[in-house]
Amino acid sequence: MPKVKRSRKPPPDGWELIEPTLDELEAKMREAGTDPHEGKRKVEALWPIFRIHHQRSRYIYDLFYRRKAISRELYEYCLKENIADKNLIAKWKKQGYENLCCLRCIQVRDTNFATNCICRVPKSKLEAGKIVECIHCGCRGCSG
């Protein structure tokens, strides 16, 4: 699989600080895409990809909003080049969605009764000892 094409514009200052981590996550993403999926359900084969996508977006989000370690220019470059998911980050900024695992879990059109995914239900509202696993991304509870 060829490397993702970036724009001709060179990356802004500070790119060399985050590039090794992003390359490592890219390698994990490629490995997850080529992993054998025998014995798994069709949706389970995609779970590692969703987790790595979440991890990469959360890394950029934390660097910019929490640790303030990267510039706005570098942050916007990462969003423009689709290194981080701008829609997922926009949800993380809203109250109640700080730990959201993926956007599919809040899309009501993907469920039978037009509700959110089971992983969005708080653990205190679930039966004790019940293991909850999202069918979309494999999350075990992202509501907090």
N, C-alpha and C. Protein backbone atom coordinates (compact mmCIF):
# COMPACT_ATOMS: atom_id res chain seq x y z
N MET A 1 0.85 -1.17 0.00
CA MET A 1 0.00 0.00 0.00
C MET A 1 0.90 1.24 0.00
N PRO A 2 0.70 2.17 -0.95
CA PRO A 2 1.56 3.35 -1.02
C PRO A 2 1.32 4.30 0.14
N LYS A 3 2.35 5.04 0.45
CA LYS A 3 2.26 6.01 1.53
C LYS A 3 1.25 7.09 1.16
N VAL A 4 0.56 7.63 2.14
CA VAL A 4 -0.46 8.64 1.90
C VAL A 4 0.22 9.89 1.35
N LYS A 5 -0.36 10.44 0.27
CA LYS A 5 0.21 11.65 -0.32
C LYS A 5 -0.11 12.85 0.54
N ARG A 6 0.88 13.64 0.79
CA ARG A 6 0.71 14.89 1.51
C ARG A 6 0.74 16.02 0.47
N SER A 7 0.28 17.19 0.88
CA SER A 7 0.30 18.33 -0.02
C SER A 7 1.75 18.73 -0.30
N ARG A 8 1.92 19.51 -1.32
CA ARG A 8 3.26 19.95 -1.68
C ARG A 8 3.83 20.94 -0.69
N LYS A 9 2.96 21.55 0.08
CA LYS A 9 3.41 22.51 1.08
C LYS A 9 4.19 21.78 2.18
N PRO A 10 5.37 22.26 2.52
CA PRO A 10 6.14 21.58 3.57
C PRO A 10 5.45 21.72 4.93
N PRO A 11 5.63 20.73 5.81
CA PRO A 11 4.99 20.80 7.12
C PRO A 11 5.57 21.95 7.94
N PRO A 12 4.77 22.54 8.82
CA PRO A 12 5.25 23.66 9.64
C PRO A 12 6.27 23.24 10.70
N ASP A 13 6.82 24.24 11.36
CA ASP A 13 7.79 23.98 12.41
C ASP A 13 7.16 23.14 13.52
N GLY A 14 7.93 22.26 14.07
CA GLY A 14 7.44 21.38 15.13
C GLY A 14 7.04 20.01 14.60
N TRP A 15 6.99 19.85 13.28
CA TRP A 15 6.58 18.58 12.68
C TRP A 15 7.55 17.46 13.08
N GLU A 16 8.84 17.80 13.17
CA GLU A 16 9.84 16.78 13.49
C GLU A 16 9.65 16.22 14.90
N LEU A 17 8.93 16.95 15.76
CA LEU A 17 8.67 16.46 17.12
C LEU A 17 7.58 15.39 17.15
N ILE A 18 6.58 15.53 16.28
CA ILE A 18 5.46 14.58 16.30
C ILE A 18 5.56 13.52 15.22
N GLU A 19 6.45 13.70 14.26
CA GLU A 19 6.55 12.77 13.14
C GLU A 19 6.87 11.34 13.55
N PRO A 20 7.81 11.09 14.49
CA PRO A 20 8.09 9.68 14.86
C PRO A 20 6.87 8.95 15.42
N THR A 21 6.10 9.64 16.25
CA THR A 21 4.91 9.01 16.83
C THR A 21 3.87 8.74 15.75
N LEU A 22 3.68 9.70 14.85
CA LEU A 22 2.71 9.51 13.77
C LEU A 22 3.15 8.41 12.81
N ASP A 23 4.45 8.29 12.56
CA ASP A 23 4.95 7.20 11.72
C ASP A 23 4.71 5.85 12.38
N GLU A 24 4.90 5.79 13.70
CA GLU A 24 4.66 4.56 14.44
C GLU A 24 3.19 4.16 14.37
N LEU A 25 2.31 5.14 14.54
CA LEU A 25 0.87 4.86 14.46
C LEU A 25 0.47 4.47 13.03
N GLU A 26 1.12 5.06 12.04
CA GLU A 26 0.85 4.70 10.64
C GLU A 26 1.27 3.25 10.39
N ALA A 27 2.40 2.84 10.95
CA ALA A 27 2.86 1.46 10.80
C ALA A 27 1.88 0.49 11.47
N LYS A 28 1.39 0.87 12.66
CA LYS A 28 0.39 0.03 13.34
C LYS A 28 -0.89 -0.06 12.51
N MET A 29 -1.28 1.05 11.87
CA MET A 29 -2.48 1.06 11.04
C MET A 29 -2.31 0.12 9.84
N ARG A 30 -1.17 0.15 9.21
CA ARG A 30 -0.90 -0.75 8.09
C ARG A 30 -0.92 -2.21 8.54
N GLU A 31 -0.33 -2.47 9.71
CA GLU A 31 -0.31 -3.82 10.25
C GLU A 31 -1.72 -4.30 10.58
N ALA A 32 -2.54 -3.41 11.13
CA ALA A 32 -3.93 -3.77 11.47
C ALA A 32 -4.74 -4.04 10.21
N GLY A 33 -4.41 -3.35 9.13
CA GLY A 33 -5.12 -3.57 7.87
C GLY A 33 -4.78 -4.89 7.21
N THR A 34 -3.58 -5.40 7.49
CA THR A 34 -3.16 -6.66 6.86
C THR A 34 -3.30 -7.86 7.79
N ASP A 35 -3.72 -7.65 9.03
CA ASP A 35 -3.89 -8.77 9.96
C ASP A 35 -4.93 -9.76 9.41
N PRO A 36 -4.69 -11.04 9.62
CA PRO A 36 -5.70 -12.02 9.19
C PRO A 36 -6.97 -11.89 10.04
N HIS A 37 -8.10 -12.08 9.41
CA HIS A 37 -9.36 -11.92 10.13
C HIS A 37 -10.16 -13.22 10.17
N GLU A 38 -9.50 -14.34 9.99
CA GLU A 38 -10.20 -15.62 10.10
C GLU A 38 -10.64 -15.84 11.53
N GLY A 39 -11.85 -16.29 11.70
CA GLY A 39 -12.37 -16.58 13.04
C GLY A 39 -12.99 -15.37 13.71
N LYS A 40 -12.92 -14.22 13.08
CA LYS A 40 -13.52 -13.01 13.64
C LYS A 40 -14.80 -12.68 12.88
N ARG A 41 -15.69 -11.98 13.56
CA ARG A 41 -16.86 -11.47 12.87
C ARG A 41 -16.42 -10.37 11.91
N LYS A 42 -17.28 -10.04 10.95
CA LYS A 42 -16.93 -9.04 9.96
C LYS A 42 -16.60 -7.69 10.61
N VAL A 43 -17.38 -7.30 11.62
CA VAL A 43 -17.15 -6.01 12.28
C VAL A 43 -15.92 -6.03 13.16
N GLU A 44 -15.58 -7.19 13.73
CA GLU A 44 -14.42 -7.29 14.61
C GLU A 44 -13.10 -7.06 13.87
N ALA A 45 -13.07 -7.31 12.58
CA ALA A 45 -11.85 -7.11 11.81
C ALA A 45 -11.48 -5.63 11.73
N LEU A 46 -12.46 -4.74 11.85
CA LEU A 46 -12.21 -3.30 11.74
C LEU A 46 -11.89 -2.63 13.07
N TRP A 47 -12.12 -3.30 14.18
CA TRP A 47 -11.93 -2.68 15.49
C TRP A 47 -10.52 -2.15 15.72
N PRO A 48 -9.46 -2.89 15.37
CA PRO A 48 -8.12 -2.32 15.59
C PRO A 48 -7.88 -1.04 14.80
N ILE A 49 -8.46 -0.95 13.62
CA ILE A 49 -8.31 0.26 12.80
C ILE A 49 -8.99 1.43 13.48
N PHE A 50 -10.19 1.22 14.02
CA PHE A 50 -10.90 2.28 14.74
C PHE A 50 -10.10 2.74 15.96
N ARG A 51 -9.51 1.79 16.67
CA ARG A 51 -8.74 2.14 17.87
C ARG A 51 -7.49 2.97 17.53
N ILE A 52 -6.80 2.61 16.47
CA ILE A 52 -5.61 3.35 16.08
C ILE A 52 -5.99 4.73 15.55
N HIS A 53 -7.09 4.81 14.83
CA HIS A 53 -7.58 6.11 14.34
C HIS A 53 -7.90 7.03 15.51
N HIS A 54 -8.56 6.46 16.53
CA HIS A 54 -8.88 7.23 17.74
C HIS A 54 -7.60 7.66 18.44
N GLN A 55 -6.64 6.77 18.55
CA GLN A 55 -5.39 7.06 19.25
C GLN A 55 -4.62 8.19 18.54
N ARG A 56 -4.61 8.17 17.23
CA ARG A 56 -3.89 9.19 16.46
C ARG A 56 -4.56 10.56 16.62
N SER A 57 -5.88 10.59 16.54
CA SER A 57 -6.61 11.86 16.71
C SER A 57 -6.47 12.37 18.14
N ARG A 58 -6.53 11.47 19.12
CA ARG A 58 -6.40 11.88 20.52
C ARG A 58 -5.00 12.42 20.80
N TYR A 59 -4.00 11.87 20.15
CA TYR A 59 -2.62 12.35 20.32
C TYR A 59 -2.50 13.81 19.87
N ILE A 60 -3.03 14.13 18.70
CA ILE A 60 -2.98 15.51 18.19
C ILE A 60 -3.81 16.43 19.07
N TYR A 61 -4.98 15.96 19.48
CA TYR A 61 -5.87 16.77 20.34
C TYR A 61 -5.17 17.10 21.67
N ASP A 62 -4.59 16.11 22.30
CA ASP A 62 -3.91 16.33 23.58
C ASP A 62 -2.71 17.27 23.44
N LEU A 63 -1.96 17.11 22.37
CA LEU A 63 -0.81 18.00 22.17
C LEU A 63 -1.23 19.45 22.02
N PHE A 64 -2.35 19.68 21.36
CA PHE A 64 -2.75 21.07 21.11
C PHE A 64 -3.56 21.66 22.25
N TYR A 65 -4.57 20.95 22.72
CA TYR A 65 -5.50 21.53 23.70
C TYR A 65 -5.07 21.33 25.15
N ARG A 66 -4.50 20.19 25.47
CA ARG A 66 -4.16 19.93 26.87
C ARG A 66 -2.74 20.36 27.21
N ARG A 67 -1.76 19.88 26.44
CA ARG A 67 -0.36 20.17 26.77
C ARG A 67 0.16 21.44 26.11
N LYS A 68 -0.56 21.92 25.07
CA LYS A 68 -0.17 23.12 24.32
C LYS A 68 1.28 23.00 23.82
N ALA A 69 1.61 21.83 23.28
CA ALA A 69 2.97 21.54 22.84
C ALA A 69 3.18 21.81 21.36
N ILE A 70 2.10 21.97 20.59
CA ILE A 70 2.25 22.25 19.16
C ILE A 70 1.54 23.55 18.82
N SER A 71 1.95 24.16 17.73
CA SER A 71 1.38 25.45 17.32
C SER A 71 0.04 25.23 16.63
N ARG A 72 -0.73 26.29 16.53
CA ARG A 72 -2.01 26.23 15.82
C ARG A 72 -1.78 25.89 14.36
N GLU A 73 -0.72 26.41 13.80
CA GLU A 73 -0.40 26.15 12.40
C GLU A 73 -0.17 24.65 12.16
N LEU A 74 0.58 24.01 13.04
CA LEU A 74 0.83 22.58 12.92
C LEU A 74 -0.45 21.78 13.16
N TYR A 75 -1.26 22.20 14.12
CA TYR A 75 -2.53 21.54 14.41
C TYR A 75 -3.45 21.60 13.18
N GLU A 76 -3.57 22.77 12.58
CA GLU A 76 -4.42 22.92 11.39
C GLU A 76 -3.86 22.15 10.20
N TYR A 77 -2.55 22.06 10.11
CA TYR A 77 -1.92 21.25 9.06
C TYR A 77 -2.33 19.79 9.23
N CYS A 78 -2.28 19.28 10.45
CA CYS A 78 -2.66 17.89 10.72
C CYS A 78 -4.12 17.63 10.38
N LEU A 79 -4.99 18.59 10.64
CA LEU A 79 -6.40 18.44 10.31
C LEU A 79 -6.60 18.49 8.79
N LYS A 80 -5.90 19.40 8.14
CA LYS A 80 -6.04 19.57 6.69
C LYS A 80 -5.54 18.33 5.94
N GLU A 81 -4.48 17.73 6.44
CA GLU A 81 -3.90 16.54 5.80
C GLU A 81 -4.57 15.25 6.26
N ASN A 82 -5.64 15.35 7.04
CA ASN A 82 -6.40 14.20 7.55
C ASN A 82 -5.54 13.26 8.39
N ILE A 83 -4.58 13.82 9.09
CA ILE A 83 -3.81 13.03 10.05
C ILE A 83 -4.66 12.79 11.29
N ALA A 84 -5.44 13.79 11.67
CA ALA A 84 -6.38 13.68 12.79
C ALA A 84 -7.79 13.94 12.26
N ASP A 85 -8.78 13.34 12.88
CA ASP A 85 -10.18 13.48 12.47
C ASP A 85 -10.77 14.74 13.08
N LYS A 86 -11.03 15.75 12.24
CA LYS A 86 -11.51 17.03 12.76
C LYS A 86 -12.92 16.94 13.32
N ASN A 87 -13.75 16.07 12.79
CA ASN A 87 -15.11 15.92 13.33
C ASN A 87 -15.11 15.27 14.70
N LEU A 88 -14.25 14.29 14.89
CA LEU A 88 -14.14 13.64 16.19
C LEU A 88 -13.58 14.60 17.24
N ILE A 89 -12.59 15.39 16.85
CA ILE A 89 -12.01 16.37 17.76
C ILE A 89 -13.04 17.44 18.12
N ALA A 90 -13.88 17.82 17.16
CA ALA A 90 -14.93 18.82 17.43
C ALA A 90 -15.90 18.28 18.48
N LYS A 91 -16.20 16.99 18.44
CA LYS A 91 -17.08 16.39 19.46
C LYS A 91 -16.39 16.33 20.81
N TRP A 92 -15.09 16.05 20.85
CA TRP A 92 -14.36 15.97 22.12
C TRP A 92 -14.38 17.30 22.85
N LYS A 93 -14.52 18.39 22.12
CA LYS A 93 -14.54 19.72 22.75
C LYS A 93 -15.87 20.02 23.41
N LYS A 94 -16.91 19.26 23.09
CA LYS A 94 -18.24 19.49 23.67
C LYS A 94 -18.41 18.69 24.96
N GLN A 95 -19.20 19.26 25.86
CA GLN A 95 -19.43 18.60 27.14
C GLN A 95 -20.22 17.32 26.94
N GLY A 96 -19.78 16.25 27.61
CA GLY A 96 -20.45 14.96 27.51
C GLY A 96 -19.84 14.05 26.47
N TYR A 97 -19.01 14.59 25.59
CA TYR A 97 -18.40 13.79 24.53
C TYR A 97 -16.88 13.75 24.66
N GLU A 98 -16.34 14.07 25.83
CA GLU A 98 -14.89 14.16 26.01
C GLU A 98 -14.18 12.84 25.76
N ASN A 99 -14.84 11.72 25.99
CA ASN A 99 -14.21 10.40 25.84
C ASN A 99 -14.80 9.58 24.69
N LEU A 100 -15.45 10.24 23.75
CA LEU A 100 -16.11 9.56 22.65
C LEU A 100 -15.11 8.71 21.87
N CYS A 101 -15.49 7.46 21.57
CA CYS A 101 -14.57 6.54 20.90
C CYS A 101 -14.59 6.71 19.38
N CYS A 102 -15.77 6.87 18.80
CA CYS A 102 -15.88 7.07 17.36
C CYS A 102 -17.20 7.76 17.05
N LEU A 103 -17.30 8.32 15.87
CA LEU A 103 -18.51 9.05 15.50
C LEU A 103 -19.69 8.13 15.21
N ARG A 104 -19.42 6.89 14.86
CA ARG A 104 -20.51 5.96 14.56
C ARG A 104 -21.35 5.66 15.80
N CYS A 105 -20.77 5.81 16.98
CA CYS A 105 -21.49 5.50 18.22
C CYS A 105 -22.54 6.54 18.57
N ILE A 106 -22.50 7.70 17.96
CA ILE A 106 -23.52 8.71 18.25
C ILE A 106 -24.43 8.95 17.06
N GLN A 107 -24.23 8.24 15.97
CA GLN A 107 -25.12 8.38 14.82
C GLN A 107 -26.34 7.50 15.03
N VAL A 108 -27.49 8.13 15.11
CA VAL A 108 -28.71 7.38 15.42
C VAL A 108 -29.21 6.58 14.23
N ARG A 109 -28.78 6.89 13.05
CA ARG A 109 -29.26 6.14 11.88
C ARG A 109 -28.67 4.74 11.79
N ASP A 110 -27.60 4.46 12.55
CA ASP A 110 -26.95 3.15 12.51
C ASP A 110 -27.53 2.15 13.50
N THR A 111 -28.52 2.54 14.29
CA THR A 111 -29.09 1.64 15.28
C THR A 111 -30.54 1.32 14.94
N ASN A 112 -31.05 0.27 15.53
CA ASN A 112 -32.40 -0.18 15.21
C ASN A 112 -33.49 0.78 15.67
N PHE A 113 -33.31 1.39 16.84
CA PHE A 113 -34.38 2.21 17.41
C PHE A 113 -34.02 3.69 17.46
N ALA A 114 -33.12 4.13 16.59
CA ALA A 114 -32.70 5.53 16.51
C ALA A 114 -32.21 6.06 17.86
N THR A 115 -31.31 5.30 18.48
CA THR A 115 -30.70 5.70 19.75
C THR A 115 -29.18 5.66 19.60
N ASN A 116 -28.48 6.08 20.63
CA ASN A 116 -27.02 5.99 20.62
C ASN A 116 -26.59 4.56 20.86
N CYS A 117 -25.32 4.31 20.67
CA CYS A 117 -24.73 2.99 20.87
C CYS A 117 -24.72 2.62 22.36
N ILE A 118 -24.63 1.33 22.65
CA ILE A 118 -24.63 0.84 24.02
C ILE A 118 -23.40 1.33 24.79
N CYS A 119 -22.31 1.61 24.12
CA CYS A 119 -21.12 2.07 24.83
C CYS A 119 -21.28 3.49 25.36
N ARG A 120 -22.30 4.21 24.94
CA ARG A 120 -22.56 5.56 25.42
C ARG A 120 -23.40 5.58 26.69
N VAL A 121 -23.91 4.42 27.11
CA VAL A 121 -24.69 4.33 28.34
C VAL A 121 -23.72 4.31 29.52
N PRO A 122 -23.93 5.17 30.54
CA PRO A 122 -23.03 5.17 31.70
C PRO A 122 -23.01 3.82 32.40
N LYS A 123 -21.86 3.43 32.91
CA LYS A 123 -21.71 2.13 33.57
C LYS A 123 -22.61 2.00 34.79
N SER A 124 -22.93 3.12 35.43
CA SER A 124 -23.80 3.08 36.60
C SER A 124 -25.23 2.70 36.23
N LYS A 125 -25.62 2.89 34.99
CA LYS A 125 -26.98 2.56 34.54
C LYS A 125 -27.10 1.13 34.02
N LEU A 126 -25.99 0.46 33.84
CA LEU A 126 -26.00 -0.91 33.34
C LEU A 126 -26.07 -1.91 34.49
N GLU A 127 -26.44 -3.14 34.16
CA GLU A 127 -26.47 -4.20 35.16
C GLU A 127 -25.05 -4.48 35.64
N ALA A 128 -24.93 -4.81 36.91
CA ALA A 128 -23.61 -5.12 37.48
C ALA A 128 -23.07 -6.41 36.87
N GLY A 129 -21.83 -6.41 36.49
CA GLY A 129 -21.20 -7.60 35.93
C GLY A 129 -21.45 -7.82 34.46
N LYS A 130 -22.25 -6.97 33.83
CA LYS A 130 -22.54 -7.13 32.41
C LYS A 130 -21.42 -6.50 31.59
N ILE A 131 -20.87 -7.27 30.66
CA ILE A 131 -19.80 -6.77 29.79
C ILE A 131 -20.45 -6.19 28.54
N VAL A 132 -20.18 -4.91 28.32
CA VAL A 132 -20.74 -4.20 27.18
C VAL A 132 -19.64 -3.99 26.15
N GLU A 133 -19.95 -4.29 24.90
CA GLU A 133 -18.99 -4.09 23.84
C GLU A 133 -19.72 -3.52 22.63
N CYS A 134 -19.24 -2.40 22.16
CA CYS A 134 -19.84 -1.73 21.01
C CYS A 134 -19.67 -2.59 19.76
N ILE A 135 -20.69 -2.66 18.95
CA ILE A 135 -20.60 -3.45 17.73
C ILE A 135 -19.83 -2.72 16.65
N HIS A 136 -19.81 -1.38 16.70
CA HIS A 136 -19.15 -0.59 15.66
C HIS A 136 -17.63 -0.60 15.80
N CYS A 137 -17.13 -0.36 17.02
CA CYS A 137 -15.69 -0.17 17.18
C CYS A 137 -15.07 -1.01 18.29
N GLY A 138 -15.86 -1.77 19.03
CA GLY A 138 -15.32 -2.62 20.08
C GLY A 138 -15.10 -1.91 21.40
N CYS A 139 -15.58 -0.68 21.52
CA CYS A 139 -15.42 0.09 22.75
C CYS A 139 -16.20 -0.57 23.88
N ARG A 140 -15.65 -0.49 25.08
CA ARG A 140 -16.32 -1.09 26.25
C ARG A 140 -16.95 -0.04 27.16
N GLY A 141 -17.17 1.12 26.64
CA GLY A 141 -17.82 2.16 27.42
C GLY A 141 -17.04 3.48 27.36
N CYS A 142 -17.56 4.42 26.62
CA CYS A 142 -16.84 5.70 26.46
C CYS A 142 -17.65 6.86 27.04
N SER A 143 -18.67 6.55 27.82
CA SER A 143 -19.50 7.64 28.36
C SER A 143 -18.95 8.19 29.67
N GLY A 144 -18.04 7.50 30.28
CA GLY A 144 -17.42 8.01 31.49
C GLY A 144 -17.92 7.37 32.76
